[in-house]
PDB file of all heavy atoms in Angstrom:
ATOM      1  N   MET A   1     -86.209  36.227 -10.431  1.00  0.00           N
ATOM      2  CA  MET A   1     -87.073  35.593  -9.496  1.00  0.00           C
ATOM      3  C   MET A   1     -86.697  35.852  -8.084  1.00  0.00           C
ATOM      4  O   MET A   1     -85.539  35.724  -7.764  1.00  0.00           O
ATOM      5  CB  MET A   1     -87.049  34.098  -9.775  1.00  0.00           C
ATOM      6  CG  MET A   1     -87.780  33.635 -10.985  1.00  0.00           C
ATOM      7  SD  MET A   1     -87.660  31.836 -11.338  1.00  0.00           S
ATOM      8  CE  MET A   1     -88.496  31.217  -9.968  1.00  0.00           C
ATOM      9  N   VAL A   2     -87.626  36.167  -7.297  1.00  0.00           N
ATOM     10  CA  VAL A   2     -87.392  36.493  -5.912  1.00  0.00           C
ATOM     11  C   VAL A   2     -88.247  35.576  -5.012  1.00  0.00           C
ATOM     12  O   VAL A   2     -89.499  35.486  -5.201  1.00  0.00           O
ATOM     13  CB  VAL A   2     -87.584  37.992  -5.557  1.00  0.00           C
ATOM     14  CG1 VAL A   2     -87.394  38.317  -4.093  1.00  0.00           C
ATOM     15  CG2 VAL A   2     -86.833  38.849  -6.479  1.00  0.00           C
ATOM     16  N   LYS A   3     -87.680  34.948  -3.982  1.00  0.00           N
ATOM     17  CA  LYS A   3     -88.418  34.080  -3.106  1.00  0.00           C
ATOM     18  C   LYS A   3     -88.982  34.905  -2.021  1.00  0.00           C
ATOM     19  O   LYS A   3     -88.342  35.591  -1.355  1.00  0.00           O
ATOM     20  CB  LYS A   3     -87.567  32.944  -2.555  1.00  0.00           C
ATOM     21  CG  LYS A   3     -88.237  31.944  -1.844  1.00  0.00           C
ATOM     22  CD  LYS A   3     -87.332  30.772  -1.451  1.00  0.00           C
ATOM     23  CE  LYS A   3     -88.154  29.696  -0.793  1.00  0.00           C
ATOM     24  NZ  LYS A   3     -87.222  28.543  -0.478  1.00  0.00           N
ATOM     25  N   SER A   4     -90.349  34.733  -1.784  1.00  0.00           N
ATOM     26  CA  SER A   4     -91.060  35.453  -0.722  1.00  0.00           C
ATOM     27  C   SER A   4     -90.676  34.844   0.649  1.00  0.00           C
ATOM     28  O   SER A   4     -90.741  33.643   0.817  1.00  0.00           O
ATOM     29  CB  SER A   4     -92.550  35.315  -0.932  1.00  0.00           C
ATOM     30  OG  SER A   4     -93.269  35.933   0.129  1.00  0.00           O
ATOM     31  N   PRO A   5     -90.241  35.715   1.616  1.00  0.00           N
ATOM     32  CA  PRO A   5     -89.985  35.217   2.930  1.00  0.00           C
ATOM     33  C   PRO A   5     -91.194  34.565   3.695  1.00  0.00           C
ATOM     34  O   PRO A   5     -91.027  33.771   4.524  1.00  0.00           O
ATOM     35  CB  PRO A   5     -89.304  36.386   3.579  1.00  0.00           C
ATOM     36  CG  PRO A   5     -89.818  37.585   2.856  1.00  0.00           C
ATOM     37  CD  PRO A   5     -90.096  37.183   1.506  1.00  0.00           C
ATOM     38  N   LYS A   6     -92.368  35.195   3.376  1.00  0.00           N
ATOM     39  CA  LYS A   6     -93.552  34.665   4.069  1.00  0.00           C
ATOM     40  C   LYS A   6     -94.069  33.330   3.672  1.00  0.00           C
ATOM     41  O   LYS A   6     -94.171  32.468   4.417  1.00  0.00           O
ATOM     42  CB  LYS A   6     -94.736  35.739   3.836  1.00  0.00           C
ATOM     43  CG  LYS A   6     -94.753  36.889   4.773  1.00  0.00           C
ATOM     44  CD  LYS A   6     -96.067  37.589   4.529  1.00  0.00           C
ATOM     45  CE  LYS A   6     -96.193  38.779   5.511  1.00  0.00           C
ATOM     46  NZ  LYS A   6     -97.360  39.555   5.285  1.00  0.00           N
ATOM     47  N   THR A   7     -94.297  33.174   2.296  1.00  0.00           N
ATOM     48  CA  THR A   7     -94.967  32.052   1.732  1.00  0.00           C
ATOM     49  C   THR A   7     -93.898  31.056   1.135  1.00  0.00           C
ATOM     50  O   THR A   7     -94.238  29.845   1.001  1.00  0.00           O
ATOM     51  CB  THR A   7     -96.026  32.369   0.694  1.00  0.00           C
ATOM     52  OG1 THR A   7     -95.249  32.946  -0.404  1.00  0.00           O
ATOM     53  CG2 THR A   7     -96.980  33.292   1.238  1.00  0.00           C
ATOM     54  N   GLY A   8     -92.712  31.455   0.813  1.00  0.00           N
ATOM     55  CA  GLY A   8     -91.815  30.613   0.098  1.00  0.00           C
ATOM     56  C   GLY A   8     -92.016  30.540  -1.401  1.00  0.00           C
ATOM     57  O   GLY A   8     -91.285  29.855  -2.087  1.00  0.00           O
ATOM     58  N   ALA A   9     -93.088  31.199  -1.918  1.00  0.00           N
ATOM     59  CA  ALA A   9     -93.315  31.199  -3.358  1.00  0.00           C
ATOM     60  C   ALA A   9     -92.426  32.172  -4.009  1.00  0.00           C
ATOM     61  O   ALA A   9     -91.955  33.131  -3.518  1.00  0.00           O
ATOM     62  CB  ALA A   9     -94.778  31.564  -3.539  1.00  0.00           C
ATOM     63  N   TYR A  10     -92.131  31.865  -5.346  1.00  0.00           N
ATOM     64  CA  TYR A  10     -91.298  32.761  -6.167  1.00  0.00           C
ATOM     65  C   TYR A  10     -92.224  33.778  -6.943  1.00  0.00           C
ATOM     66  O   TYR A  10     -93.235  33.407  -7.342  1.00  0.00           O
ATOM     67  CB  TYR A  10     -90.477  31.883  -7.128  1.00  0.00           C
ATOM     68  CG  TYR A  10     -89.314  31.248  -6.474  1.00  0.00           C
ATOM     69  CD1 TYR A  10     -89.488  29.922  -6.101  1.00  0.00           C
ATOM     70  CD2 TYR A  10     -88.176  31.903  -6.279  1.00  0.00           C
ATOM     71  CE1 TYR A  10     -88.383  29.290  -5.459  1.00  0.00           C
ATOM     72  CE2 TYR A  10     -87.052  31.307  -5.682  1.00  0.00           C
ATOM     73  CZ  TYR A  10     -87.204  29.885  -5.253  1.00  0.00           C
ATOM     74  OH  TYR A  10     -86.179  29.345  -4.703  1.00  0.00           O
ATOM     75  N   THR A  11     -91.669  34.969  -6.992  1.00  0.00           N
ATOM     76  CA  THR A  11     -92.399  36.039  -7.835  1.00  0.00           C
ATOM     77  C   THR A  11     -91.331  36.634  -8.819  1.00  0.00           C
ATOM     78  O   THR A  11     -90.129  36.510  -8.470  1.00  0.00           O
ATOM     79  CB  THR A  11     -92.959  37.124  -6.904  1.00  0.00           C
ATOM     80  OG1 THR A  11     -91.922  37.679  -6.129  1.00  0.00           O
ATOM     81  CG2 THR A  11     -94.081  36.621  -6.016  1.00  0.00           C
ATOM     82  N   PHE A  12     -91.859  37.155  -9.839  1.00  0.00           N
ATOM     83  CA  PHE A  12     -90.932  37.753 -10.807  1.00  0.00           C
ATOM     84  C   PHE A  12     -90.986  39.289 -10.633  1.00  0.00           C
ATOM     85  O   PHE A  12     -91.964  39.952 -10.455  1.00  0.00           O
ATOM     86  CB  PHE A  12     -91.433  37.479 -12.201  1.00  0.00           C
ATOM     87  CG  PHE A  12     -91.205  36.047 -12.593  1.00  0.00           C
ATOM     88  CD1 PHE A  12     -92.310  35.115 -12.433  1.00  0.00           C
ATOM     89  CD2 PHE A  12     -90.063  35.607 -13.031  1.00  0.00           C
ATOM     90  CE1 PHE A  12     -92.153  33.779 -12.836  1.00  0.00           C
ATOM     91  CE2 PHE A  12     -89.869  34.245 -13.464  1.00  0.00           C
ATOM     92  CZ  PHE A  12     -90.985  33.312 -13.190  1.00  0.00           C
ATOM     93  N   VAL A  13     -89.795  39.907 -10.662  1.00  0.00           N
ATOM     94  CA  VAL A  13     -89.565  41.354 -10.513  1.00  0.00           C
ATOM     95  C   VAL A  13     -88.861  41.745 -11.791  1.00  0.00           C
ATOM     96  O   VAL A  13     -87.839  41.232 -12.103  1.00  0.00           O
ATOM     97  CB  VAL A  13     -88.689  41.721  -9.262  1.00  0.00           C
ATOM     98  CG1 VAL A  13     -88.570  43.213  -9.179  1.00  0.00           C
ATOM     99  CG2 VAL A  13     -89.499  41.216  -8.054  1.00  0.00           C
ATOM    100  N   SER A  14     -89.471  42.668 -12.500  1.00  0.00           N
ATOM    101  CA  SER A  14     -88.798  43.224 -13.805  1.00  0.00           C
ATOM    102  C   SER A  14     -88.677  44.693 -13.794  1.00  0.00           C
ATOM    103  O   SER A  14     -89.412  45.400 -13.106  1.00  0.00           O
ATOM    104  CB  SER A  14     -89.578  42.704 -14.965  1.00  0.00           C
ATOM    105  OG  SER A  14     -90.856  43.330 -15.038  1.00  0.00           O
ATOM    106  N   ALA A  15     -87.694  45.156 -14.440  1.00  0.00           N
ATOM    107  CA  ALA A  15     -87.422  46.565 -14.550  1.00  0.00           C
ATOM    108  C   ALA A  15     -86.685  46.835 -15.930  1.00  0.00           C
ATOM    109  O   ALA A  15     -85.921  46.031 -16.395  1.00  0.00           O
ATOM    110  CB  ALA A  15     -86.617  47.041 -13.423  1.00  0.00           C
ATOM    111  N   ILE A  16     -87.029  48.046 -16.456  1.00  0.00           N
ATOM    112  CA  ILE A  16     -86.261  48.514 -17.691  1.00  0.00           C
ATOM    113  C   ILE A  16     -85.320  49.631 -17.208  1.00  0.00           C
ATOM    114  O   ILE A  16     -85.740  50.606 -16.613  1.00  0.00           O
ATOM    115  CB  ILE A  16     -87.331  49.058 -18.761  1.00  0.00           C
ATOM    116  CG1 ILE A  16     -88.230  47.884 -19.132  1.00  0.00           C
ATOM    117  CG2 ILE A  16     -86.615  49.664 -19.913  1.00  0.00           C
ATOM    118  CD1 ILE A  16     -89.243  48.228 -20.156  1.00  0.00           C
ATOM    119  N   MET A  17     -84.036  49.461 -17.595  1.00  0.00           N
ATOM    120  CA  MET A  17     -83.054  50.354 -17.155  1.00  0.00           C
ATOM    121  C   MET A  17     -81.834  50.409 -18.154  1.00  0.00           C
ATOM    122  O   MET A  17     -81.847  49.728 -19.063  1.00  0.00           O
ATOM    123  CB  MET A  17     -82.544  49.970 -15.753  1.00  0.00           C
ATOM    124  CG  MET A  17     -81.753  48.631 -15.892  1.00  0.00           C
ATOM    125  SD  MET A  17     -81.593  47.819 -14.365  1.00  0.00           S
ATOM    126  CE  MET A  17     -83.266  47.200 -14.042  1.00  0.00           C
ATOM    127  N   ALA A  18     -80.864  51.353 -17.850  1.00  0.00           N
ATOM    128  CA  ALA A  18     -79.659  51.368 -18.597  1.00  0.00           C
ATOM    129  C   ALA A  18     -78.831  50.153 -18.398  1.00  0.00           C
ATOM    130  O   ALA A  18     -78.840  49.587 -17.393  1.00  0.00           O
ATOM    131  CB  ALA A  18     -78.960  52.668 -18.266  1.00  0.00           C
ATOM    132  N   PRO A  19     -78.198  49.720 -19.438  1.00  0.00           N
ATOM    133  CA  PRO A  19     -77.369  48.437 -19.315  1.00  0.00           C
ATOM    134  C   PRO A  19     -76.363  48.515 -18.135  1.00  0.00           C
ATOM    135  O   PRO A  19     -75.987  47.505 -17.659  1.00  0.00           O
ATOM    136  CB  PRO A  19     -76.674  48.334 -20.644  1.00  0.00           C
ATOM    137  CG  PRO A  19     -77.432  49.140 -21.641  1.00  0.00           C
ATOM    138  CD  PRO A  19     -78.033  50.212 -20.790  1.00  0.00           C
ATOM    139  N   GLU A  20     -75.803  49.653 -17.773  1.00  0.00           N
ATOM    140  CA  GLU A  20     -74.838  49.805 -16.676  1.00  0.00           C
ATOM    141  C   GLU A  20     -75.478  49.417 -15.380  1.00  0.00           C
ATOM    142  O   GLU A  20     -74.779  49.046 -14.462  1.00  0.00           O
ATOM    143  CB  GLU A  20     -74.268  51.198 -16.576  1.00  0.00           C
ATOM    144  CG  GLU A  20     -73.570  51.695 -17.867  1.00  0.00           C
ATOM    145  CD  GLU A  20     -74.551  52.267 -18.904  1.00  0.00           C
ATOM    146  OE1 GLU A  20     -75.553  52.852 -18.502  1.00  0.00           O
ATOM    147  OE2 GLU A  20     -74.316  52.022 -20.116  1.00  0.00           O
ATOM    148  N   LEU A  21     -76.726  49.566 -15.178  1.00  0.00           N
ATOM    149  CA  LEU A  21     -77.374  49.374 -13.899  1.00  0.00           C
ATOM    150  C   LEU A  21     -77.952  47.959 -13.694  1.00  0.00           C
ATOM    151  O   LEU A  21     -78.386  47.606 -12.581  1.00  0.00           O
ATOM    152  CB  LEU A  21     -78.553  50.364 -13.751  1.00  0.00           C
ATOM    153  CG  LEU A  21     -78.231  51.784 -13.901  1.00  0.00           C
ATOM    154  CD1 LEU A  21     -79.421  52.616 -13.861  1.00  0.00           C
ATOM    155  CD2 LEU A  21     -77.152  52.207 -12.792  1.00  0.00           C
ATOM    156  N   VAL A  22     -77.819  47.060 -14.634  1.00  0.00           N
ATOM    157  CA  VAL A  22     -78.322  45.712 -14.639  1.00  0.00           C
ATOM    158  C   VAL A  22     -77.604  44.814 -13.505  1.00  0.00           C
ATOM    159  O   VAL A  22     -78.312  44.270 -12.623  1.00  0.00           O
ATOM    160  CB  VAL A  22     -78.280  44.973 -15.956  1.00  0.00           C
ATOM    161  CG1 VAL A  22     -78.550  43.521 -15.801  1.00  0.00           C
ATOM    162  CG2 VAL A  22     -79.105  45.756 -16.903  1.00  0.00           C
ATOM    163  N   SER A  23     -76.362  45.007 -13.376  1.00  0.00           N
ATOM    164  CA  SER A  23     -75.674  44.045 -12.319  1.00  0.00           C
ATOM    165  C   SER A  23     -76.106  44.511 -10.935  1.00  0.00           C
ATOM    166  O   SER A  23     -76.211  43.691 -10.094  1.00  0.00           O
ATOM    167  CB  SER A  23     -74.197  44.094 -12.553  1.00  0.00           C
ATOM    168  OG  SER A  23     -73.687  45.508 -12.350  1.00  0.00           O
ATOM    169  N   ASP A  24     -76.207  45.779 -10.693  1.00  0.00           N
ATOM    170  CA  ASP A  24     -76.754  46.266  -9.455  1.00  0.00           C
ATOM    171  C   ASP A  24     -78.133  45.806  -9.115  1.00  0.00           C
ATOM    172  O   ASP A  24     -78.451  45.383  -7.968  1.00  0.00           O
ATOM    173  CB  ASP A  24     -76.691  47.870  -9.382  1.00  0.00           C
ATOM    174  CG  ASP A  24     -75.327  48.347  -9.405  1.00  0.00           C
ATOM    175  OD1 ASP A  24     -74.311  47.620  -9.009  1.00  0.00           O
ATOM    176  OD2 ASP A  24     -75.106  49.561  -9.806  1.00  0.00           O
ATOM    177  N   PHE A  25     -79.035  45.782 -10.174  1.00  0.00           N
ATOM    178  CA  PHE A  25     -80.404  45.326  -9.888  1.00  0.00           C
ATOM    179  C   PHE A  25     -80.462  43.853  -9.612  1.00  0.00           C
ATOM    180  O   PHE A  25     -81.149  43.405  -8.636  1.00  0.00           O
ATOM    181  CB  PHE A  25     -81.131  45.548 -11.165  1.00  0.00           C
ATOM    182  CG  PHE A  25     -82.614  44.992 -11.269  1.00  0.00           C
ATOM    183  CD1 PHE A  25     -83.570  45.519 -10.482  1.00  0.00           C
ATOM    184  CD2 PHE A  25     -82.921  43.902 -11.991  1.00  0.00           C
ATOM    185  CE1 PHE A  25     -84.896  45.024 -10.501  1.00  0.00           C
ATOM    186  CE2 PHE A  25     -84.133  43.345 -11.947  1.00  0.00           C
ATOM    187  CZ  PHE A  25     -85.176  43.958 -11.268  1.00  0.00           C
ATOM    188  N   LEU A  26     -79.616  43.001 -10.239  1.00  0.00           N
ATOM    189  CA  LEU A  26     -79.629  41.584 -10.052  1.00  0.00           C
ATOM    190  C   LEU A  26     -79.015  41.226  -8.727  1.00  0.00           C
ATOM    191  O   LEU A  26     -79.280  40.266  -8.075  1.00  0.00           O
ATOM    192  CB  LEU A  26     -78.897  40.925 -11.179  1.00  0.00           C
ATOM    193  CG  LEU A  26     -79.682  40.970 -12.523  1.00  0.00           C
ATOM    194  CD1 LEU A  26     -78.843  40.282 -13.633  1.00  0.00           C
ATOM    195  CD2 LEU A  26     -81.004  40.359 -12.414  1.00  0.00           C
ATOM    196  N   GLU A  27     -78.050  42.090  -8.280  1.00  0.00           N
ATOM    197  CA  GLU A  27     -77.382  41.745  -7.017  1.00  0.00           C
ATOM    198  C   GLU A  27     -78.178  42.102  -5.749  1.00  0.00           C
ATOM    199  O   GLU A  27     -78.145  41.462  -4.746  1.00  0.00           O
ATOM    200  CB  GLU A  27     -76.026  42.653  -6.910  1.00  0.00           C
ATOM    201  CG  GLU A  27     -74.942  42.266  -7.877  1.00  0.00           C
ATOM    202  CD  GLU A  27     -74.259  41.036  -7.623  1.00  0.00           C
ATOM    203  OE1 GLU A  27     -74.013  40.795  -6.426  1.00  0.00           O
ATOM    204  OE2 GLU A  27     -73.805  40.328  -8.526  1.00  0.00           O
TER     205      GLU A  27
END
C-alpha cells in the first residue's frame, strides 16, 4: 500500500518478481 502525496489516499501496487527482489521492492 502506497499513500498518495496529493490526496492522502492509499493505492495498491503489485508486481510479480523473483523472490530475491521482494525486499528491494518493498523498501
